[in-house]
Amino acid sequence: MSTVALVSGASRGIGAAIARSLARGGHHVIVNYHRNADAAKQVVADIEAAGGTAQAEQADVCDDAQVTALVDRVRAEHGRVDVLVCNANTAQPPFEPLASLPWDAFLGKVAGELAGSYHLTQRVLPIMREQRAGRIVYISSTVADTVGMLAAHSTAKAALNTYSRHVAAAAGQHGVTMNTLALGPVNTDATAGFLDDDRRAFFAQRSVHGRVLEPEDIGAAVAMLAADGFGSATGQVIRLDGGFDVLDQQLNPA
């Protein structure tokens, strides 16, 4: 029986790369999407063409009823969920200075960020507890440690990082591990407006790869965290930024 991996927001970008990487590792992948059914079907087709198995499943992961229905369908068909990756971008960040940032915009980003992980965790974690095994991975951002124009985004990611550690504490005694990947800039359609040539050069100069991260880099990292042999690590917020944090300090010493 194949292990089952559920990846939210898996129809494009980082989520699609994670889905493909997990499929290569032998998991049957549930490609969750919100609106773009055609893109999700293409990810499934790519996985199947490479010899893996997958299926597309629609659900708005901020809606508890839709998440419950999604997880119930997966459990009824497969009887298990072995890997959960909370990746969906559930709310766009408002790019405004803190002094003029409306409360509704701030709250919307923080609440949306947490809802997308909270509902899935609440429904999947009991299944993993029964199995006495499971891997949960949250996709966060290094922006949690920055200040500037992204107050809502930074606060939301910092809240996710803290929430994830509570999940690890609650799940560990049941054989379930949880780790969070805090990503630096990644070259995707969603970041195309931010990563202009100057910013791409800036981040590439401060990367051990000499380039901005690609979605496939994230997919490989998630596959490692989901592997059986990685069960000793849990409750960690792991920076995946191409070495930016340390190299930037080397280039710009205090």
C-alpha atoms as a PDB file:
ATOM      1  CA  MET A   1       0.000   0.000   0.000  1.00  0.00           C
ATOM      2  CA  SER A   2       1.381   3.400  -1.010  1.00  0.00           C
ATOM      3  CA  THR A   3       1.853   6.095   1.546  1.00  0.00           C
ATOM      4  CA  VAL A   4      -0.379   9.116   0.992  1.00  0.00           C
ATOM      5  CA  ALA A   5       0.807  12.727   0.921  1.00  0.00           C
ATOM      6  CA  LEU A   6      -1.615  15.662   0.946  1.00  0.00           C
ATOM      7  CA  VAL A   7      -0.170  18.926  -0.375  1.00  0.00           C
ATOM      8  CA  SER A   8      -2.226  22.111  -0.182  1.00  0.00           C
ATOM      9  CA  GLY A   9      -1.870  24.710  -2.913  1.00  0.00           C
ATOM     10  CA  ALA A  10      -0.213  22.159  -5.175  1.00  0.00           C
ATOM     11  CA  SER A  11      -1.456  23.253  -8.583  1.00  0.00           C
ATOM     12  CA  ARG A  12       1.520  25.493  -9.387  1.00  0.00           C
ATOM     13  CA  GLY A  13       4.819  26.889  -8.227  1.00  0.00           C
ATOM     14  CA  ILE A  14       6.277  25.592  -4.987  1.00  0.00           C
ATOM     15  CA  GLY A  15       3.322  23.326  -4.232  1.00  0.00           C
ATOM     16  CA  ALA A  16       3.523  21.625  -7.623  1.00  0.00           C
ATOM     17  CA  ALA A  17       7.269  21.020  -7.183  1.00  0.00           C
ATOM     18  CA  ILE A  18       6.636  19.549  -3.726  1.00  0.00           C
ATOM     19  CA  ALA A  19       3.953  17.245  -5.148  1.00  0.00           C
ATOM     20  CA  ARG A  20       6.260  16.000  -7.900  1.00  0.00           C
ATOM     21  CA  SER A  21       9.134  15.439  -5.464  1.00  0.00           C
ATOM     22  CA  LEU A  22       6.965  13.462  -3.030  1.00  0.00           C
ATOM     23  CA  ALA A  23       5.618  11.360  -5.898  1.00  0.00           C
ATOM     24  CA  ARG A  24       9.159  10.508  -6.963  1.00  0.00           C
ATOM     25  CA  GLY A  25       9.696   9.328  -3.402  1.00  0.00           C
ATOM     26  CA  GLY A  26       6.894   6.792  -3.764  1.00  0.00           C
ATOM     27  CA  HIS A  27       3.983   8.666  -2.188  1.00  0.00           C
ATOM     28  CA  HIS A  28       0.536   8.807  -3.737  1.00  0.00           C
ATOM     29  CA  VAL A  29      -0.008  12.560  -3.835  1.00  0.00           C
ATOM     30  CA  ILE A  30      -3.248  14.439  -3.228  1.00  0.00           C
ATOM     31  CA  VAL A  31      -2.845  17.594  -5.299  1.00  0.00           C
ATOM     32  CA  ASN A  32      -5.063  20.097  -3.512  1.00  0.00           C
ATOM     33  CA  TYR A  33      -6.168  23.213  -5.359  1.00  0.00           C
ATOM     34  CA  HIS A  34      -8.645  26.010  -4.760  1.00  0.00           C
ATOM     35  CA  ARG A  35      -9.629  27.351  -8.194  1.00  0.00           C
ATOM     36  CA  ASN A  36      -7.211  26.215 -10.925  1.00  0.00           C
ATOM     37  CA  ALA A  37      -8.478  22.734 -11.778  1.00  0.00           C
ATOM     38  CA  ASP A  38      -6.641  22.597 -15.114  1.00  0.00           C
ATOM     39  CA  ALA A  39      -3.286  23.340 -13.495  1.00  0.00           C
ATOM     40  CA  ALA A  40      -3.883  20.702 -10.818  1.00  0.00           C
ATOM     41  CA  LYS A  41      -4.780  18.130 -13.464  1.00  0.00           C
ATOM     42  CA  GLN A  42      -1.561  18.974 -15.297  1.00  0.00           C
ATOM     43  CA  VAL A  43       0.483  18.327 -12.131  1.00  0.00           C
ATOM     44  CA  VAL A  44      -1.260  14.948 -11.810  1.00  0.00           C
ATOM     45  CA  ALA A  45      -0.504  14.195 -15.458  1.00  0.00           C
ATOM     46  CA  ASP A  46       3.162  15.122 -14.964  1.00  0.00           C
ATOM     47  CA  ILE A  47       3.410  12.814 -11.957  1.00  0.00           C
ATOM     48  CA  GLU A  48       1.757   9.932 -13.781  1.00  0.00           C
ATOM     49  CA  ALA A  49       3.960  10.430 -16.852  1.00  0.00           C
ATOM     50  CA  ALA A  50       6.980  10.071 -14.561  1.00  0.00           C
ATOM     51  CA  GLY A  51       5.645   6.792 -13.153  1.00  0.00           C
ATOM     52  CA  GLY A  52       4.008   8.087  -9.973  1.00  0.00           C
ATOM     53  CA  THR A  53       0.411   8.280  -8.808  1.00  0.00           C
ATOM     54  CA  ALA A  54      -1.659  11.297  -7.825  1.00  0.00           C
ATOM     55  CA  GLN A  55      -5.130  12.789  -7.845  1.00  0.00           C
ATOM     56  CA  ALA A  56      -6.448  16.349  -7.857  1.00  0.00           C
ATOM     57  CA  GLU A  57      -8.796  17.383  -5.043  1.00  0.00           C
ATOM     58  CA  GLN A  58     -10.511  20.761  -4.747  1.00  0.00           C
ATOM     59  CA  ALA A  59     -10.946  22.533  -1.414  1.00  0.00           C
ATOM     60  CA  ASP A  60     -10.537  25.997   0.034  1.00  0.00           C
ATOM     61  CA  VAL A  61      -8.274  25.153   2.966  1.00  0.00           C
ATOM     62  CA  CYS A  62      -9.460  28.224   4.883  1.00  0.00           C
ATOM     63  CA  ASP A  63     -12.944  26.681   5.043  1.00  0.00           C
ATOM     64  CA  ASP A  64     -13.244  24.065   7.769  1.00  0.00           C
ATOM     65  CA  ALA A  65     -16.229  22.342   6.130  1.00  0.00           C
ATOM     66  CA  GLN A  66     -14.396  21.984   2.821  1.00  0.00           C
ATOM     67  CA  VAL A  67     -11.260  20.701   4.570  1.00  0.00           C
ATOM     68  CA  THR A  68     -13.309  18.171   6.526  1.00  0.00           C
ATOM     69  CA  ALA A  69     -14.909  16.931   3.316  1.00  0.00           C
ATOM     70  CA  LEU A  70     -11.509  16.737   1.584  1.00  0.00           C
ATOM     71  CA  VAL A  71      -9.868  14.731   4.358  1.00  0.00           C
ATOM     72  CA  ASP A  72     -12.917  12.472   4.670  1.00  0.00           C
ATOM     73  CA  ARG A  73     -12.720  11.707   0.942  1.00  0.00           C
ATOM     74  CA  VAL A  74      -9.022  10.910   1.132  1.00  0.00           C
ATOM     75  CA  ARG A  75      -9.464   8.683   4.165  1.00  0.00           C
ATOM     76  CA  ALA A  76     -12.434   6.860   2.673  1.00  0.00           C
ATOM     77  CA  GLU A  77     -10.489   6.109  -0.520  1.00  0.00           C
ATOM     78  CA  HIS A  78      -7.020   5.424   0.893  1.00  0.00           C
ATOM     79  CA  GLY A  79      -7.522   4.770   4.603  1.00  0.00           C
ATOM     80  CA  ARG A  80      -4.560   6.906   5.641  1.00  0.00           C
ATOM     81  CA  VAL A  81      -2.669  10.182   5.414  1.00  0.00           C
ATOM     82  CA  ASP A  82       1.074   9.864   5.979  1.00  0.00           C
ATOM     83  CA  VAL A  83       2.369  13.283   4.959  1.00  0.00           C
ATOM     84  CA  LEU A  84       0.692  16.688   5.213  1.00  0.00           C
ATOM     85  CA  VAL A  85       2.304  19.723   3.578  1.00  0.00           C
ATOM     86  CA  CYS A  86       0.606  23.052   4.322  1.00  0.00           C
ATOM     87  CA  ASN A  87       1.769  25.234   1.465  1.00  0.00           C
ATOM     88  CA  ALA A  88      -1.284  27.098   0.129  1.00  0.00           C
ATOM     89  CA  ASN A  89      -0.995  30.877  -0.154  1.00  0.00           C
ATOM     90  CA  THR A  90      -4.284  31.675   1.544  1.00  0.00           C
ATOM     91  CA  ALA A  91      -4.124  35.488   1.704  1.00  0.00           C
ATOM     92  CA  GLN A  92      -2.144  38.074  -0.236  1.00  0.00           C
ATOM     93  CA  PRO A  93      -0.071  40.365   1.989  1.00  0.00           C
ATOM     94  CA  PRO A  94      -0.905  44.077   2.019  1.00  0.00           C
ATOM     95  CA  PHE A  95       2.145  46.122   0.987  1.00  0.00           C
ATOM     96  CA  GLU A  96       1.579  49.219   3.091  1.00  0.00           C
ATOM     97  CA  PRO A  97       3.501  51.075   5.782  1.00  0.00           C
ATOM     98  CA  LEU A  98       2.464  50.085   9.276  1.00  0.00           C
ATOM     99  CA  ALA A  99       1.129  53.570  10.066  1.00  0.00           C
ATOM    100  CA  SER A 100      -1.456  53.371   7.283  1.00  0.00           C
ATOM    101  CA  LEU A 101      -2.123  49.622   7.341  1.00  0.00           C
ATOM    102  CA  PRO A 102      -5.868  49.013   7.883  1.00  0.00           C
ATOM    103  CA  TRP A 103      -6.767  46.573  10.637  1.00  0.00           C
ATOM    104  CA  ASP A 104      -8.951  44.508   8.307  1.00  0.00           C
ATOM    105  CA  ALA A 105      -6.045  44.012   5.891  1.00  0.00           C
ATOM    106  CA  PHE A 106      -3.675  43.115   8.721  1.00  0.00           C
ATOM    107  CA  LEU A 107      -6.154  40.698  10.307  1.00  0.00           C
ATOM    108  CA  GLY A 108      -7.040  39.140   6.957  1.00  0.00           C
ATOM    109  CA  LYS A 109      -3.444  38.169   6.268  1.00  0.00           C
ATOM    110  CA  VAL A 110      -2.755  36.787   9.746  1.00  0.00           C
ATOM    111  CA  ALA A 111      -6.062  34.907   9.983  1.00  0.00           C
ATOM    112  CA  GLY A 112      -5.788  33.534   6.443  1.00  0.00           C
ATOM    113  CA  GLU A 113      -2.238  32.325   7.001  1.00  0.00           C
ATOM    114  CA  LEU A 114      -3.172  30.439  10.146  1.00  0.00           C
ATOM    115  CA  ALA A 115      -6.493  29.102   8.869  1.00  0.00           C
ATOM    116  CA  GLY A 116      -4.866  27.368   5.918  1.00  0.00           C
ATOM    117  CA  SER A 117      -2.698  25.309   8.257  1.00  0.00           C
ATOM    118  CA  TYR A 118      -4.990  25.077  11.271  1.00  0.00           C
ATOM    119  CA  HIS A 119      -7.974  23.389   9.598  1.00  0.00           C
ATOM    120  CA  LEU A 120      -5.848  20.836   7.767  1.00  0.00           C
ATOM    121  CA  THR A 121      -3.884  20.020  10.891  1.00  0.00           C
ATOM    122  CA  GLN A 122      -7.041  19.632  12.979  1.00  0.00           C
ATOM    123  CA  ARG A 123      -8.476  17.102  10.523  1.00  0.00           C
ATOM    124  CA  VAL A 124      -5.311  15.184   9.590  1.00  0.00           C
ATOM    125  CA  LEU A 125      -3.543  14.960  12.942  1.00  0.00           C
ATOM    126  CA  PRO A 126      -6.125  12.560  14.492  1.00  0.00           C
ATOM    127  CA  ILE A 127      -5.565  10.179  11.559  1.00  0.00           C
ATOM    128  CA  MET A 128      -1.813  10.303  12.071  1.00  0.00           C
ATOM    129  CA  ARG A 129      -2.241   9.728  15.792  1.00  0.00           C
ATOM    130  CA  GLU A 130      -4.238   6.584  15.080  1.00  0.00           C
ATOM    131  CA  GLN A 131      -1.529   5.431  12.685  1.00  0.00           C
ATOM    132  CA  ARG A 132       1.134   6.258  15.279  1.00  0.00           C
ATOM    133  CA  ALA A 133       3.103   7.849  12.453  1.00  0.00           C
ATOM    134  CA  GLY A 134       3.063  10.881  10.214  1.00  0.00           C
ATOM    135  CA  ARG A 135       4.988  13.836   8.868  1.00  0.00           C
ATOM    136  CA  ILE A 136       3.706  17.420   8.833  1.00  0.00           C
ATOM    137  CA  VAL A 137       5.570  20.201   7.026  1.00  0.00           C
ATOM    138  CA  TYR A 138       4.566  23.862   7.077  1.00  0.00           C
ATOM    139  CA  ILE A 139       5.855  26.272   4.449  1.00  0.00           C
ATOM    140  CA  SER A 140       6.779  29.574   6.068  1.00  0.00           C
ATOM    141  CA  SER A 141       9.157  32.404   5.208  1.00  0.00           C
ATOM    142  CA  THR A 142      12.275  34.163   6.458  1.00  0.00           C
ATOM    143  CA  VAL A 143      10.200  37.333   6.287  1.00  0.00           C
ATOM    144  CA  ALA A 144       9.059  36.365   9.797  1.00  0.00           C
ATOM    145  CA  ASP A 145      12.399  37.785  10.986  1.00  0.00           C
ATOM    146  CA  THR A 146      12.311  41.048   9.022  1.00  0.00           C
ATOM    147  CA  VAL A 147      10.768  44.471   9.501  1.00  0.00           C
ATOM    148  CA  GLY A 148       9.693  47.090   6.980  1.00  0.00           C
ATOM    149  CA  MET A 149       6.808  47.212   4.519  1.00  0.00           C
ATOM    150  CA  LEU A 150       5.564  43.690   5.252  1.00  0.00           C
ATOM    151  CA  ALA A 151       4.190  43.986   8.786  1.00  0.00           C
ATOM    152  CA  ALA A 152       1.145  41.779   8.172  1.00  0.00           C
ATOM    153  CA  HIS A 153       3.094  39.182   6.190  1.00  0.00           C
ATOM    154  CA  SER A 154       5.919  39.043   8.735  1.00  0.00           C
ATOM    155  CA  THR A 155       3.511  38.767  11.662  1.00  0.00           C
ATOM    156  CA  ALA A 156       1.519  36.034   9.918  1.00  0.00           C
ATOM    157  CA  LYS A 157       4.609  33.931   9.214  1.00  0.00           C
ATOM    158  CA  ALA A 158       5.934  34.428  12.735  1.00  0.00           C
ATOM    159  CA  ALA A 159       2.573  33.287  14.097  1.00  0.00           C
ATOM    160  CA  LEU A 160       2.684  30.218  11.855  1.00  0.00           C
ATOM    161  CA  ASN A 161       6.175  29.371  13.120  1.00  0.00           C
ATOM    162  CA  THR A 162       4.987  29.533  16.721  1.00  0.00           C
ATOM    163  CA  TYR A 163       1.816  27.560  16.011  1.00  0.00           C
ATOM    164  CA  SER A 164       3.855  24.850  14.302  1.00  0.00           C
ATOM    165  CA  ARG A 165       5.938  24.280  17.419  1.00  0.00           C
ATOM    166  CA  HIS A 166       2.788  23.758  19.475  1.00  0.00           C
ATOM    167  CA  VAL A 167       1.690  21.143  16.948  1.00  0.00           C
ATOM    168  CA  ALA A 168       5.047  19.391  17.274  1.00  0.00           C
ATOM    169  CA  ALA A 169       4.703  19.287  21.054  1.00  0.00           C
ATOM    170  CA  ALA A 170       1.176  17.877  20.868  1.00  0.00           C
ATOM    171  CA  ALA A 171       1.970  15.322  18.168  1.00  0.00           C
ATOM    172  CA  GLY A 172       5.394  14.000  19.135  1.00  0.00           C
ATOM    173  CA  GLN A 173       4.260  11.364  21.611  1.00  0.00           C
ATOM    174  CA  HIS A 174       2.108   9.827  18.881  1.00  0.00           C
ATOM    175  CA  GLY A 175       4.970   9.251  16.455  1.00  0.00           C
ATOM    176  CA  VAL A 176       4.134  12.334  14.365  1.00  0.00           C
ATOM    177  CA  THR A 177       6.836  14.851  13.495  1.00  0.00           C
ATOM    178  CA  MET A 178       6.351  18.444  12.420  1.00  0.00           C
ATOM    179  CA  ASN A 179       8.913  20.770  10.863  1.00  0.00           C
ATOM    180  CA  THR A 180       8.646  24.162   9.222  1.00  0.00           C
ATOM    181  CA  LEU A 181      10.601  25.448   6.248  1.00  0.00           C
ATOM    182  CA  ALA A 182      11.224  29.204   6.364  1.00  0.00           C
ATOM    183  CA  LEU A 183      11.917  30.102   2.747  1.00  0.00           C
ATOM    184  CA  GLY A 184      13.979  32.886   1.331  1.00  0.00           C
ATOM    185  CA  PRO A 185      13.047  34.317  -2.089  1.00  0.00           C
ATOM    186  CA  VAL A 186      11.973  31.620  -4.552  1.00  0.00           C
ATOM    187  CA  ASN A 187      11.710  32.102  -8.304  1.00  0.00           C
ATOM    188  CA  THR A 188       7.996  31.555  -9.074  1.00  0.00           C
ATOM    189  CA  ASP A 189       5.183  33.257 -10.949  1.00  0.00           C
ATOM    190  CA  ALA A 190       3.939  34.609  -7.618  1.00  0.00           C
ATOM    191  CA  THR A 191       7.250  36.390  -6.908  1.00  0.00           C
ATOM    192  CA  ALA A 192       7.843  37.652 -10.439  1.00  0.00           C
ATOM    193  CA  GLY A 193       6.678  41.152  -9.517  1.00  0.00           C
ATOM    194  CA  PHE A 194       9.057  41.340  -6.564  1.00  0.00           C
ATOM    195  CA  LEU A 195      12.119  39.596  -7.983  1.00  0.00           C
ATOM    196  CA  ASP A 196      13.192  42.078 -10.624  1.00  0.00           C
ATOM    197  CA  ASP A 197      16.687  41.868 -12.098  1.00  0.00           C
ATOM    198  CA  ASP A 198      18.290  43.972  -9.360  1.00  0.00           C
ATOM    199  CA  ARG A 199      16.766  41.983  -6.510  1.00  0.00           C
ATOM    200  CA  ARG A 200      17.548  38.677  -8.211  1.00  0.00           C
ATOM    201  CA  ALA A 201      21.197  39.725  -8.555  1.00  0.00           C
ATOM    202  CA  PHE A 202      21.285  40.862  -4.921  1.00  0.00           C
ATOM    203  CA  PHE A 203      20.007  37.543  -3.600  1.00  0.00           C
ATOM    204  CA  ALA A 204      22.095  35.497  -6.028  1.00  0.00           C
ATOM    205  CA  GLN A 205      25.275  37.220  -4.825  1.00  0.00           C
ATOM    206  CA  ARG A 206      24.404  36.135  -1.281  1.00  0.00           C
ATOM    207  CA  SER A 207      23.608  32.521  -2.141  1.00  0.00           C
ATOM    208  CA  VAL A 208      25.866  29.499  -1.958  1.00  0.00           C
ATOM    209  CA  HIS A 209      24.303  28.475  -5.295  1.00  0.00           C
ATOM    210  CA  GLY A 210      24.894  31.819  -6.967  1.00  0.00           C
ATOM    211  CA  ARG A 211      21.211  31.962  -7.824  1.00  0.00           C
ATOM    212  CA  VAL A 212      17.755  32.467  -6.364  1.00  0.00           C
ATOM    213  CA  LEU A 213      16.060  29.327  -5.050  1.00  0.00           C
ATOM    214  CA  GLU A 214      13.835  27.391  -7.438  1.00  0.00           C
ATOM    215  CA  PRO A 215      10.642  25.477  -6.514  1.00  0.00           C
ATOM    216  CA  GLU A 216      12.514  22.206  -7.053  1.00  0.00           C
ATOM    217  CA  ASP A 217      14.865  23.144  -4.191  1.00  0.00           C
ATOM    218  CA  ILE A 218      11.868  23.328  -1.885  1.00  0.00           C
ATOM    219  CA  GLY A 219      10.465  20.064  -3.202  1.00  0.00           C
ATOM    220  CA  ALA A 220      13.715  18.260  -2.411  1.00  0.00           C
ATOM    221  CA  ALA A 221      13.792  19.662   1.125  1.00  0.00           C
ATOM    222  CA  VAL A 222      10.201  18.629   1.828  1.00  0.00           C
ATOM    223  CA  ALA A 223      10.881  15.120   0.508  1.00  0.00           C
ATOM    224  CA  MET A 224      13.786  14.869   2.945  1.00  0.00           C
ATOM    225  CA  LEU A 225      11.624  15.978   5.886  1.00  0.00           C
ATOM    226  CA  ALA A 226       8.923  13.498   4.860  1.00  0.00           C
ATOM    227  CA  ALA A 227      11.298  10.543   4.622  1.00  0.00           C
ATOM    228  CA  ASP A 228      11.229   7.742   7.184  1.00  0.00           C
ATOM    229  CA  GLY A 229      14.852   8.312   8.065  1.00  0.00           C
ATOM    230  CA  PHE A 230      14.239  11.904   9.152  1.00  0.00           C
ATOM    231  CA  GLY A 231      11.999  11.078  12.091  1.00  0.00           C
ATOM    232  CA  SER A 232      14.430  12.301  14.743  1.00  0.00           C
ATOM    233  CA  ALA A 233      13.843  15.981  13.933  1.00  0.00           C
ATOM    234  CA  THR A 234      10.650  17.718  15.012  1.00  0.00           C
ATOM    235  CA  GLY A 235       9.553  21.171  16.128  1.00  0.00           C
ATOM    236  CA  GLN A 236      12.207  22.866  14.002  1.00  0.00           C
ATOM    237  CA  VAL A 237      11.910  26.051  11.973  1.00  0.00           C
ATOM    238  CA  ILE A 238      14.528  25.491   9.292  1.00  0.00           C
ATOM    239  CA  ARG A 239      15.806  28.382   7.182  1.00  0.00           C
ATOM    240  CA  LEU A 240      16.018  27.479   3.513  1.00  0.00           C
ATOM    241  CA  ASP A 241      17.488  30.600   1.987  1.00  0.00           C
ATOM    242  CA  GLY A 242      20.489  29.463  -0.025  1.00  0.00           C
ATOM    243  CA  GLY A 243      22.823  30.651   2.735  1.00  0.00           C
ATOM    244  CA  PHE A 244      21.607  34.258   2.487  1.00  0.00           C
ATOM    245  CA  ASP A 245      21.510  34.831   6.249  1.00  0.00           C
ATOM    246  CA  VAL A 246      25.140  33.913   6.876  1.00  0.00           C
ATOM    247  CA  LEU A 247      26.592  35.192   3.603  1.00  0.00           C
ATOM    248  CA  ASP A 248      24.861  38.562   3.937  1.00  0.00           C
ATOM    249  CA  GLN A 249      26.419  38.972   7.367  1.00  0.00           C
ATOM    250  CA  GLN A 250      29.807  38.082   5.900  1.00  0.00           C
ATOM    251  CA  LEU A 251      29.437  40.650   3.127  1.00  0.00           C
ATOM    252  CA  ASN A 252      27.985  43.269   5.475  1.00  0.00           C
ATOM    253  CA  PRO A 253      29.625  42.729   8.884  1.00  0.00           C
ATOM    254  CA  ALA A 254      28.206  44.706  11.793  1.00  0.00           C
END
